[in-house]
Structure formats: C-alpha cells, structure tokens
Amino acid sequence: MDLRELSDEVEAVSAHYAERHGIDRTDEWFVLKLGEEVGELTQAFLARSGQARRKGRTDDEMEQGFRDEVADVLAQVLLVARHFDVPLDDAVRDKWSKWHPDRMATGS
C-alpha cells in the first residue's frame, strides 16, 4: 500500500467514526487530535520502558499498545496533511532529502 492509498483508507475510517459519533472535524480538531495521539504514544512509551505504571498489562500487551499508538500518530499525521492539502511525500522530500549524506555538499 502506498502513502496515498494509506491516506485514503485512514480518511475513510476517520470520516465514518466522526459521523457515527457526531464529531465536527474542524481545523482545530485535526491538530489537537494529533497532539492527543502524541500524548498517548508518550504514555505508552513510558509504560513500556518501565517509567510509568503497567496497569496490569503483560509485556506483549505493552508492546502492542506502543505499536498501536505509533500507528495512531501516523494516521493522524496523514489526516492533518490531507486536511490542509499538504502533499506529504513532496513535503518530506523537500524538508529531509537535502540533508541526505549522499546529497550534501562536502564540508556541510
């Protein structure tokens, strides 16, 4: 699945969820939801690394929770990019590719 297909799939799920639960996906919602998901990823990381309560979860449950939160963050980034018409592949390429060691000028 490429980035566009993944974005389409995430959008369909998010739009359906919002409709079912009466959520108005405003500009603010997209950005604040990303912040919420990053917070949940941080919480999962802290628990997984022994720096927060396990809440009775097994190692496998902790690992799955962490993986789930990484997926949620990525999904929300895709939604933010889509909502604000950011061509994510181009934006990442423009921002990051110039720093690739094979493309940097000698001495940089």
N, C-alpha and C. Protein backbone atom coordinates (compact mmCIF):
# COMPACT_ATOMS: atom_id res chain seq x y z
N MET A 1 0.85 -1.17 0.00
CA MET A 1 0.00 0.00 0.00
C MET A 1 0.90 1.24 0.00
N ASP A 2 0.65 2.16 -0.91
CA ASP A 2 1.45 3.38 -0.94
C ASP A 2 0.83 4.45 -0.02
N LEU A 3 1.51 5.56 0.10
CA LEU A 3 1.10 6.62 1.02
C LEU A 3 -0.29 7.15 0.70
N ARG A 4 -0.59 7.30 -0.58
CA ARG A 4 -1.91 7.82 -0.98
C ARG A 4 -3.02 6.84 -0.61
N GLU A 5 -2.79 5.56 -0.88
CA GLU A 5 -3.79 4.54 -0.52
C GLU A 5 -3.99 4.48 0.99
N LEU A 6 -2.90 4.56 1.72
CA LEU A 6 -3.00 4.56 3.18
C LEU A 6 -3.78 5.78 3.66
N SER A 7 -3.49 6.93 3.09
CA SER A 7 -4.21 8.16 3.44
C SER A 7 -5.70 8.03 3.15
N ASP A 8 -6.04 7.46 2.00
CA ASP A 8 -7.45 7.25 1.64
C ASP A 8 -8.14 6.35 2.66
N GLU A 9 -7.46 5.27 3.05
CA GLU A 9 -8.05 4.33 3.99
C GLU A 9 -8.26 4.98 5.37
N VAL A 10 -7.25 5.70 5.83
CA VAL A 10 -7.35 6.37 7.13
C VAL A 10 -8.46 7.42 7.10
N GLU A 11 -8.56 8.16 6.01
CA GLU A 11 -9.62 9.17 5.87
C GLU A 11 -11.00 8.53 5.95
N ALA A 12 -11.18 7.42 5.27
CA ALA A 12 -12.48 6.75 5.28
C ALA A 12 -12.86 6.32 6.70
N VAL A 13 -11.92 5.76 7.43
CA VAL A 13 -12.19 5.33 8.80
C VAL A 13 -12.50 6.52 9.69
N SER A 14 -11.68 7.58 9.58
CA SER A 14 -11.87 8.77 10.42
C SER A 14 -13.20 9.46 10.14
N ALA A 15 -13.53 9.61 8.87
CA ALA A 15 -14.79 10.27 8.50
C ALA A 15 -15.98 9.46 9.00
N HIS A 16 -15.92 8.15 8.86
CA HIS A 16 -17.00 7.28 9.34
C HIS A 16 -17.15 7.39 10.86
N TYR A 17 -16.04 7.33 11.57
CA TYR A 17 -16.05 7.44 13.03
C TYR A 17 -16.64 8.78 13.46
N ALA A 18 -16.19 9.85 12.81
CA ALA A 18 -16.69 11.19 13.15
C ALA A 18 -18.19 11.30 12.91
N GLU A 19 -18.65 10.75 11.82
CA GLU A 19 -20.08 10.80 11.51
C GLU A 19 -20.89 10.02 12.55
N ARG A 20 -20.42 8.84 12.90
CA ARG A 20 -21.13 8.00 13.87
C ARG A 20 -21.20 8.64 15.25
N HIS A 21 -20.19 9.43 15.59
CA HIS A 21 -20.11 9.99 16.94
C HIS A 21 -20.35 11.50 16.99
N GLY A 22 -20.80 12.08 15.89
CA GLY A 22 -21.13 13.50 15.86
C GLY A 22 -19.95 14.42 16.07
N ILE A 23 -18.80 14.05 15.56
CA ILE A 23 -17.58 14.86 15.72
C ILE A 23 -17.43 15.78 14.52
N ASP A 24 -17.25 17.06 14.79
CA ASP A 24 -17.01 18.05 13.75
C ASP A 24 -15.50 18.16 13.56
N ARG A 25 -15.01 17.64 12.47
CA ARG A 25 -13.56 17.63 12.23
C ARG A 25 -13.11 18.99 11.68
N THR A 26 -12.99 19.94 12.58
CA THR A 26 -12.55 21.29 12.23
C THR A 26 -11.03 21.31 12.09
N ASP A 27 -10.50 22.46 11.63
CA ASP A 27 -9.04 22.63 11.58
C ASP A 27 -8.42 22.33 12.93
N GLU A 28 -9.03 22.90 13.97
CA GLU A 28 -8.51 22.71 15.32
C GLU A 28 -8.55 21.23 15.73
N TRP A 29 -9.63 20.54 15.39
CA TRP A 29 -9.74 19.13 15.76
C TRP A 29 -8.58 18.32 15.18
N PHE A 30 -8.27 18.53 13.91
CA PHE A 30 -7.20 17.75 13.28
C PHE A 30 -5.87 17.94 14.02
N VAL A 31 -5.54 19.18 14.34
CA VAL A 31 -4.26 19.45 15.01
C VAL A 31 -4.28 19.00 16.46
N LEU A 32 -5.36 19.30 17.17
CA LEU A 32 -5.44 18.89 18.58
C LEU A 32 -5.49 17.38 18.73
N LYS A 33 -6.14 16.70 17.81
CA LYS A 33 -6.18 15.24 17.85
C LYS A 33 -4.78 14.65 17.66
N LEU A 34 -3.99 15.28 16.82
CA LEU A 34 -2.59 14.84 16.67
C LEU A 34 -1.85 14.98 17.99
N GLY A 35 -2.04 16.09 18.67
CA GLY A 35 -1.42 16.29 19.98
C GLY A 35 -1.87 15.23 20.98
N GLU A 36 -3.15 14.90 20.95
CA GLU A 36 -3.67 13.85 21.84
C GLU A 36 -2.99 12.52 21.55
N GLU A 37 -2.86 12.19 20.29
CA GLU A 37 -2.25 10.90 19.91
C GLU A 37 -0.77 10.86 20.29
N VAL A 38 -0.06 11.97 20.13
CA VAL A 38 1.35 12.01 20.55
C VAL A 38 1.44 11.82 22.06
N GLY A 39 0.52 12.40 22.81
CA GLY A 39 0.48 12.20 24.25
C GLY A 39 0.26 10.74 24.61
N GLU A 40 -0.63 10.08 23.89
CA GLU A 40 -0.89 8.66 24.15
C GLU A 40 0.32 7.81 23.79
N LEU A 41 1.04 8.18 22.74
CA LEU A 41 2.27 7.48 22.38
C LEU A 41 3.31 7.66 23.48
N THR A 42 3.42 8.86 24.00
CA THR A 42 4.36 9.13 25.09
C THR A 42 4.01 8.28 26.31
N GLN A 43 2.74 8.22 26.64
CA GLN A 43 2.29 7.42 27.78
C GLN A 43 2.61 5.94 27.56
N ALA A 44 2.35 5.43 26.37
CA ALA A 44 2.64 4.03 26.06
C ALA A 44 4.15 3.75 26.13
N PHE A 45 4.95 4.69 25.65
CA PHE A 45 6.40 4.53 25.73
C PHE A 45 6.87 4.48 27.18
N LEU A 46 6.38 5.40 27.98
CA LEU A 46 6.79 5.44 29.39
C LEU A 46 6.42 4.15 30.11
N ALA A 47 5.24 3.63 29.86
CA ALA A 47 4.83 2.38 30.49
C ALA A 47 5.69 1.22 29.98
N ARG A 48 5.92 1.19 28.69
CA ARG A 48 6.72 0.12 28.08
C ARG A 48 8.16 0.12 28.59
N SER A 49 8.69 1.30 28.88
CA SER A 49 10.08 1.41 29.31
C SER A 49 10.23 1.37 30.83
N GLY A 50 9.14 1.11 31.54
CA GLY A 50 9.20 0.99 33.00
C GLY A 50 9.21 2.31 33.73
N GLN A 51 8.84 3.39 33.06
CA GLN A 51 8.86 4.71 33.68
C GLN A 51 7.45 5.20 34.04
N ALA A 52 6.48 4.31 33.89
CA ALA A 52 5.10 4.61 34.27
C ALA A 52 4.43 3.29 34.65
N ARG A 53 3.25 3.39 35.23
CA ARG A 53 2.54 2.19 35.69
C ARG A 53 2.19 1.28 34.51
N ARG A 54 2.29 -0.01 34.76
CA ARG A 54 1.94 -1.03 33.77
C ARG A 54 0.43 -1.28 33.71
N LYS A 55 -0.26 -0.95 34.80
CA LYS A 55 -1.71 -1.15 34.91
C LYS A 55 -2.09 -2.60 34.63
N GLY A 56 -1.27 -3.52 35.09
CA GLY A 56 -1.57 -4.94 34.97
C GLY A 56 -1.34 -5.55 33.60
N ARG A 57 -0.74 -4.80 32.70
CA ARG A 57 -0.54 -5.30 31.34
C ARG A 57 0.72 -6.14 31.23
N THR A 58 0.65 -7.15 30.38
CA THR A 58 1.80 -8.01 30.12
C THR A 58 2.78 -7.29 29.20
N ASP A 59 3.97 -7.86 29.06
CA ASP A 59 4.95 -7.30 28.12
C ASP A 59 4.39 -7.24 26.71
N ASP A 60 3.71 -8.30 26.28
CA ASP A 60 3.12 -8.32 24.94
C ASP A 60 2.05 -7.25 24.78
N GLU A 61 1.24 -7.05 25.80
CA GLU A 61 0.22 -6.00 25.75
C GLU A 61 0.86 -4.62 25.72
N MET A 62 1.94 -4.46 26.46
CA MET A 62 2.65 -3.16 26.45
C MET A 62 3.23 -2.87 25.07
N GLU A 63 3.83 -3.90 24.47
CA GLU A 63 4.40 -3.74 23.13
C GLU A 63 3.32 -3.43 22.11
N GLN A 64 2.20 -4.14 22.19
CA GLN A 64 1.11 -3.90 21.25
C GLN A 64 0.53 -2.50 21.44
N GLY A 65 0.41 -2.07 22.68
CA GLY A 65 -0.08 -0.72 22.95
C GLY A 65 0.82 0.35 22.35
N PHE A 66 2.12 0.14 22.47
CA PHE A 66 3.08 1.08 21.88
C PHE A 66 2.94 1.11 20.36
N ARG A 67 2.89 -0.07 19.75
CA ARG A 67 2.74 -0.16 18.29
C ARG A 67 1.44 0.51 17.84
N ASP A 68 0.36 0.28 18.59
CA ASP A 68 -0.92 0.89 18.25
C ASP A 68 -0.84 2.42 18.28
N GLU A 69 -0.15 2.94 19.27
CA GLU A 69 -0.05 4.41 19.38
C GLU A 69 0.85 5.00 18.29
N VAL A 70 1.90 4.29 17.89
CA VAL A 70 2.70 4.75 16.75
C VAL A 70 1.81 4.82 15.51
N ALA A 71 0.98 3.79 15.32
CA ALA A 71 0.06 3.77 14.18
C ALA A 71 -0.93 4.93 14.24
N ASP A 72 -1.45 5.22 15.44
CA ASP A 72 -2.39 6.32 15.60
C ASP A 72 -1.75 7.67 15.25
N VAL A 73 -0.50 7.87 15.67
CA VAL A 73 0.19 9.12 15.36
C VAL A 73 0.37 9.26 13.84
N LEU A 74 0.83 8.19 13.21
CA LEU A 74 1.00 8.24 11.75
C LEU A 74 -0.33 8.51 11.06
N ALA A 75 -1.38 7.83 11.48
CA ALA A 75 -2.69 8.03 10.87
C ALA A 75 -3.14 9.48 11.02
N GLN A 76 -2.92 10.05 12.19
CA GLN A 76 -3.36 11.43 12.40
C GLN A 76 -2.50 12.41 11.59
N VAL A 77 -1.22 12.12 11.43
CA VAL A 77 -0.38 12.97 10.56
C VAL A 77 -0.92 12.91 9.13
N LEU A 78 -1.28 11.73 8.68
CA LEU A 78 -1.87 11.61 7.33
C LEU A 78 -3.14 12.44 7.21
N LEU A 79 -3.97 12.40 8.25
CA LEU A 79 -5.21 13.18 8.23
C LEU A 79 -4.95 14.68 8.23
N VAL A 80 -3.99 15.12 9.02
CA VAL A 80 -3.64 16.55 9.05
C VAL A 80 -3.14 16.99 7.68
N ALA A 81 -2.23 16.22 7.12
CA ALA A 81 -1.68 16.58 5.80
C ALA A 81 -2.78 16.64 4.75
N ARG A 82 -3.66 15.68 4.78
CA ARG A 82 -4.76 15.62 3.80
C ARG A 82 -5.71 16.82 3.99
N HIS A 83 -6.05 17.09 5.24
CA HIS A 83 -6.99 18.17 5.53
C HIS A 83 -6.46 19.54 5.09
N PHE A 84 -5.17 19.75 5.29
CA PHE A 84 -4.57 21.04 4.96
C PHE A 84 -3.89 21.03 3.59
N ASP A 85 -4.19 20.03 2.78
CA ASP A 85 -3.66 19.93 1.41
C ASP A 85 -2.13 20.00 1.36
N VAL A 86 -1.49 19.28 2.26
CA VAL A 86 -0.03 19.19 2.25
C VAL A 86 0.33 17.89 1.52
N PRO A 87 1.00 17.99 0.37
CA PRO A 87 1.43 16.78 -0.32
C PRO A 87 2.59 16.17 0.47
N LEU A 88 2.25 15.23 1.32
CA LEU A 88 3.19 14.74 2.32
C LEU A 88 4.47 14.20 1.72
N ASP A 89 4.37 13.42 0.64
CA ASP A 89 5.59 12.88 0.06
C ASP A 89 6.51 14.00 -0.43
N ASP A 90 5.95 15.02 -1.09
CA ASP A 90 6.76 16.15 -1.55
C ASP A 90 7.30 16.96 -0.37
N ALA A 91 6.46 17.18 0.63
CA ALA A 91 6.89 17.99 1.78
C ALA A 91 8.04 17.32 2.52
N VAL A 92 7.95 16.01 2.71
CA VAL A 92 9.03 15.29 3.40
C VAL A 92 10.29 15.31 2.54
N ARG A 93 10.12 15.07 1.26
CA ARG A 93 11.27 15.09 0.36
C ARG A 93 11.95 16.47 0.38
N ASP A 94 11.15 17.54 0.28
CA ASP A 94 11.72 18.90 0.28
C ASP A 94 12.44 19.21 1.58
N LYS A 95 11.87 18.79 2.69
CA LYS A 95 12.42 19.11 4.01
C LYS A 95 13.62 18.24 4.34
N TRP A 96 13.57 16.95 4.03
CA TRP A 96 14.57 15.99 4.53
C TRP A 96 15.62 15.59 3.51
N SER A 97 15.27 15.48 2.25
CA SER A 97 16.21 14.92 1.27
C SER A 97 17.49 15.74 1.12
N LYS A 98 17.39 17.04 1.30
CA LYS A 98 18.59 17.87 1.16
C LYS A 98 19.64 17.53 2.22
N TRP A 99 19.23 16.87 3.29
CA TRP A 99 20.16 16.51 4.36
C TRP A 99 20.70 15.09 4.22
N HIS A 100 20.27 14.38 3.18
CA HIS A 100 20.78 13.02 2.97
C HIS A 100 22.29 13.11 2.74
N PRO A 101 23.07 12.27 3.41
CA PRO A 101 24.54 12.36 3.31
C PRO A 101 25.06 12.25 1.89
N ASP A 102 24.37 11.54 1.02
CA ASP A 102 24.82 11.41 -0.37
C ASP A 102 24.54 12.65 -1.20
N ARG A 103 23.73 13.57 -0.68
CA ARG A 103 23.35 14.77 -1.44
C ARG A 103 23.93 16.06 -0.87
N MET A 104 24.53 15.98 0.29
CA MET A 104 25.07 17.19 0.93
C MET A 104 26.42 17.55 0.30
N ALA A 105 26.67 18.84 0.21
CA ALA A 105 27.96 19.31 -0.28
C ALA A 105 29.05 18.94 0.71
N THR A 106 30.21 18.65 0.22
CA THR A 106 31.33 18.31 1.10
C THR A 106 31.62 19.47 2.03
N GLY A 107 31.82 19.13 3.30
CA GLY A 107 32.13 20.16 4.29
C GLY A 107 30.92 20.75 4.96
N SER A 108 29.71 20.32 4.58
CA SER A 108 28.49 20.86 5.20
C SER A 108 28.20 20.20 6.52
